[in-house]
Structures are given as C-alpha cells and as structure tokens.
Amino acid sequence: MTAPPADPGPVTVRVFTRRLGATPRGARLARHLAVRELHTWGVPHGTDASDRIAVIVAELAANAVTHGRVPGRDFELTLTLLAAGAGTCARVRAEVTDTRTELRPPVPGAVRPPRPLDEHGRGLPLVDALADRWAVVDREPPGKTVRAEVDLAWPADAHGRLRT
C-alpha cells in the first residue's frame, strides 16, 4: 500500500513587491498600492477582504516607519496571492519588512490590548483581529518581516484565477 501524496502546500499565483521610503508618506502609499493591486487581482475595492488587507498593510507599514525605521533604509511591502488548488479558497499574504533588529519583535497571541486612553498600541491588536493568521519572521540581512494572511471567501480555479 502506498502513502497518499504529500500536500504540496499553497501555490504562489501572483506577487507584488515594492520598496518604499520609511516615512509617513511611504506608509500611506503602501496601503494605496495594496488596495489597487488587489483590485487588479480580482479582489474588488470595498470588499471585506480588500478592507481587511488595507487596514493590515496600513498598520504594518506604520509600525515599520515608526518602530522599524533605520535612517537611510527603506521598508518593503510584498503581497502574495496564494491558492492551494482547484476548488480551494485562495488567500492573500501581506508582508512588511524593515531592517531594525534591536527592538523585541511582536509575538502573535501575546499582543495586549491598549488601555482606553493610550495614544499608541492599537496597530497590532487590529492586525491580530483582522488577519486569519500572522507571524514575525527573521530575515537576512538583519531585520524582520511581519506577515499576515487573509483567507478569501471565494475559491480559485485550476489556473489560480479567483472565481467571484
């Protein structure tokens, strides 16, 4: 008797990567670029998935600019459309990479909600609430990538195109 074939995992269907200046303008641009790119991939503006990813990208980019900024270095936004095969739901992975390493990275599941009058600290609780899963990944050269995934409510066809 032979063992069933191993699950190959998700298949990358599309990738968008952009390096942006570590400024508030760069963080704002990251959100706009993400929403526009998702729309070209078949995730329309104003849908639940588009709105969730827009907030996630905005928060991760703002954190990269505020807490991960190293003078003279940019941050990077990567969006990946993943599908596990025909008839399965696709998902979008948003990754924001910065080059700061001396701060302790956030830990999924250990994010504390801010107190009512706190002026900061709402970004990662939002990511935690909106993403279906998220993680922090070390990278080489020094730095970290915060990755968040949102499952899409509709499946991909055999070629990885979204069916709406």
Protein backbone atom coordinates (compact mmCIF):
# COMPACT_ATOMS: atom_id res chain seq x y z
CA MET A 1 0.00 0.00 0.00
CA THR A 2 1.39 3.38 -0.95
CA ALA A 3 1.10 6.50 1.13
CA PRO A 4 -1.03 9.33 -0.22
CA PRO A 5 0.97 12.10 -1.88
CA ALA A 6 2.12 14.84 0.46
CA ASP A 7 0.19 18.08 0.36
CA PRO A 8 2.37 20.45 -1.67
CA GLY A 9 1.02 23.45 0.27
CA PRO A 10 -0.16 26.68 -1.22
CA VAL A 11 0.85 27.70 -4.72
CA THR A 12 2.00 31.26 -5.37
CA VAL A 13 -0.24 32.72 -8.03
CA ARG A 14 0.79 36.39 -8.05
CA VAL A 15 3.36 38.54 -6.23
CA PHE A 16 3.67 42.30 -5.87
CA THR A 17 6.74 43.82 -4.20
CA ARG A 18 7.57 47.46 -3.68
CA ARG A 19 10.31 49.16 -1.68
CA LEU A 20 9.07 52.39 -0.06
CA GLY A 21 10.65 55.23 1.89
CA ALA A 22 10.36 54.80 5.66
CA THR A 23 8.21 57.92 6.03
CA PRO A 24 4.54 58.51 6.80
CA ARG A 25 4.03 59.14 3.08
CA GLY A 26 5.60 55.74 2.29
CA ALA A 27 3.27 54.03 4.76
CA ARG A 28 0.23 55.75 3.24
CA LEU A 29 1.40 54.81 -0.26
CA ALA A 30 1.77 51.16 0.81
CA ARG A 31 -1.93 50.98 1.68
CA HIS A 32 -2.99 52.62 -1.59
CA LEU A 33 -0.75 50.36 -3.67
CA ALA A 34 -2.03 47.26 -1.85
CA VAL A 35 -5.69 48.08 -2.50
CA ARG A 36 -5.00 48.89 -6.15
CA GLU A 37 -3.02 45.69 -6.70
CA LEU A 38 -5.68 43.56 -5.00
CA HIS A 39 -8.29 45.09 -7.29
CA THR A 40 -6.27 44.03 -10.37
CA TRP A 41 -6.08 40.51 -8.89
CA GLY A 42 -9.87 40.28 -8.63
CA VAL A 43 -10.30 41.38 -5.00
CA PRO A 44 -12.53 44.45 -5.57
CA HIS A 45 -12.36 47.70 -3.61
CA GLY A 46 -14.77 47.77 -0.70
CA THR A 47 -15.00 44.01 -0.19
CA ASP A 48 -14.36 42.57 3.25
CA ALA A 49 -11.04 41.05 2.14
CA SER A 50 -9.83 44.27 0.50
CA ASP A 51 -10.76 46.36 3.53
CA ARG A 52 -9.12 43.92 5.97
CA ILE A 53 -5.90 43.79 3.97
CA ALA A 54 -5.87 47.60 3.60
CA VAL A 55 -6.00 48.05 7.38
CA ILE A 56 -3.40 45.33 7.96
CA VAL A 57 -0.98 46.87 5.44
CA ALA A 58 -1.57 50.35 6.86
CA GLU A 59 -0.80 49.20 10.41
CA LEU A 60 2.24 47.11 9.48
CA ALA A 61 3.66 49.91 7.31
CA ALA A 62 3.04 52.47 10.06
CA ASN A 63 4.88 50.21 12.52
CA ALA A 64 7.78 49.80 10.08
CA VAL A 65 8.02 53.58 9.72
CA THR A 66 7.58 54.34 13.43
CA HIS A 67 9.36 51.48 15.19
CA GLY A 68 11.41 49.76 12.48
CA ARG A 69 12.93 52.77 10.81
CA VAL A 70 16.68 52.87 10.32
CA PRO A 71 17.91 56.18 8.82
CA GLY A 72 18.73 55.76 5.15
CA ARG A 73 16.89 52.43 4.80
CA ASP A 74 13.52 51.74 3.23
CA PHE A 75 10.86 49.21 4.12
CA GLU A 76 9.40 46.68 1.73
CA LEU A 77 5.81 45.66 1.05
CA THR A 78 5.11 42.28 -0.53
CA LEU A 79 1.65 40.97 -1.38
CA THR A 80 1.24 37.36 -2.45
CA LEU A 81 -1.87 35.67 -3.79
CA LEU A 82 -1.81 32.01 -2.76
CA ALA A 83 -4.06 29.15 -3.84
CA ALA A 84 -3.94 25.55 -2.66
CA GLY A 85 -5.52 24.11 -5.80
CA ALA A 86 -8.76 23.93 -7.73
CA GLY A 87 -11.85 24.42 -5.62
CA THR A 88 -9.98 25.59 -2.53
CA CYS A 89 -10.08 29.06 -1.09
CA ALA A 90 -7.29 31.43 -2.01
CA ARG A 91 -5.60 33.74 0.45
CA VAL A 92 -3.60 36.94 0.39
CA ARG A 93 -0.37 37.27 2.33
CA ALA A 94 0.79 40.79 3.19
CA GLU A 95 4.39 41.17 4.36
CA VAL A 96 6.15 44.29 5.57
CA THR A 97 9.91 44.08 6.06
CA ASP A 98 12.12 46.54 7.92
CA THR A 99 15.79 46.47 8.89
CA ARG A 100 15.61 47.23 12.61
CA THR A 101 16.68 44.37 14.85
CA GLU A 102 17.43 45.76 18.30
CA LEU A 103 13.78 46.00 19.37
CA ARG A 104 12.00 42.88 20.58
CA PRO A 105 9.66 41.72 17.79
CA PRO A 106 5.95 41.33 18.46
CA VAL A 107 4.62 37.87 19.28
CA PRO A 108 1.30 36.67 17.82
CA GLY A 109 -1.09 35.69 20.60
CA ALA A 110 0.73 37.86 23.15
CA VAL A 111 -0.46 41.24 21.92
CA ARG A 112 -2.06 43.16 24.74
CA PRO A 113 -4.95 45.48 24.00
CA PRO A 114 -4.26 49.15 24.72
CA ARG A 115 -5.82 50.89 27.68
CA PRO A 116 -8.68 53.24 26.75
CA LEU A 117 -6.63 56.45 26.99
CA ASP A 118 -3.42 55.12 25.39
CA GLU A 119 -2.39 57.15 22.36
CA HIS A 120 -0.49 54.27 20.75
CA GLY A 121 -0.60 50.49 20.66
CA ARG A 122 -3.69 49.77 18.60
CA GLY A 123 -1.95 48.58 15.42
CA LEU A 124 -1.03 45.00 16.28
CA PRO A 125 -4.32 44.30 18.11
CA LEU A 126 -6.03 45.33 14.84
CA VAL A 127 -3.75 43.04 12.82
CA ASP A 128 -4.42 40.25 15.32
CA ALA A 129 -8.19 40.75 14.98
CA LEU A 130 -8.32 41.13 11.18
CA ALA A 131 -5.77 38.57 9.98
CA ASP A 132 -6.61 34.89 9.84
CA ARG A 133 -3.00 34.24 10.89
CA TRP A 134 0.14 36.31 11.34
CA ALA A 135 3.77 35.84 12.32
CA VAL A 136 7.11 37.58 12.65
CA VAL A 137 9.94 36.13 10.57
CA ASP A 138 13.64 36.98 10.94
CA ARG A 139 15.36 37.84 7.71
CA GLU A 140 18.90 38.13 6.37
CA PRO A 141 20.48 40.67 6.29
CA PRO A 142 19.34 41.98 9.68
CA GLY A 143 15.73 42.82 10.10
CA LYS A 144 12.32 41.25 10.37
CA THR A 145 9.24 40.62 8.30
CA VAL A 146 5.76 40.77 9.75
CA ARG A 147 3.49 38.53 7.71
CA ALA A 148 -0.31 38.45 7.88
CA GLU A 149 -2.71 36.32 5.85
CA VAL A 150 -6.35 36.83 5.00
CA ASP A 151 -8.40 33.95 3.61
CA LEU A 152 -10.58 34.89 0.67
CA ALA A 153 -14.21 33.85 0.68
CA TRP A 154 -14.14 32.52 -2.86
CA PRO A 155 -12.14 29.72 -4.47
CA ALA A 156 -9.58 29.80 -7.24
CA ASP A 157 -9.97 27.83 -10.47
CA ALA A 158 -7.42 25.30 -11.74
CA HIS A 159 -5.24 28.15 -13.09
CA GLY A 160 -5.21 30.12 -9.83
CA ARG A 161 -7.66 32.78 -11.04
CA LEU A 162 -10.19 33.92 -8.48
CA ARG A 163 -13.79 32.98 -9.13
CA THR A 164 -16.21 35.61 -7.91
